[in-house]
């Protein structure tokens, strides 16, 4: 039975990542294909060609993103964005949702942002237990009035789903900067320590 168990797990290590990758890509493509619905009915590819071509929505979404990015990269575009932000920030309910989402997106996607720029080694959730966290900035607001010393804002992800985690403020001296990229650190977390940055996959079935 030992060889069968070894072969089973070895097969799972190959098939599961491939299956999940295909499923995620299929979901992304099918979701982005809904972008085609914004086109007039006469212009929709399904009618023009006569059959559905997966992925055309991805190209349309990419074109829209590039066009919006090009427009908002100049002074006139930035003024239009500011004007739109001002209108949305005056609408109850919409204001709270939009402002929160915009703050997060500005932090994550802004070229000048500091989010997830550095991977650090921290002791969490208790001393002598170590995990990987990501520096998201420094504490601000009234929080700084209650912290003595230099602190960092750190996001500690869970595994294997890094979208859930904990936001903590730690002393800078308690954070050890790692010589690995954010992508390598995320891969290390998601794999639960199996995929070692800069090294081969840990095959514990040998």
Foldseek 3Di string as FASTA:
>chain_A
DLVVVLVVVVVCVPPVVVVVVVVVVVVVQVVLLCQLVVDPPVPRPCVVVVHDDTPPSVVVVVVVVVVLVVQCVDPVNVVVVVVVLVVQCVDPPSNVVVVVVVVVCCQPPPPPHQWQFFKWWAAPPDPPRIAIWGFRAFDDDCVVVVDDAGKTWIWGAAELDRVDTDIDIGHPVRIGTDPDHSVQRNVCRNVVNQPHVPDHGNDPSD
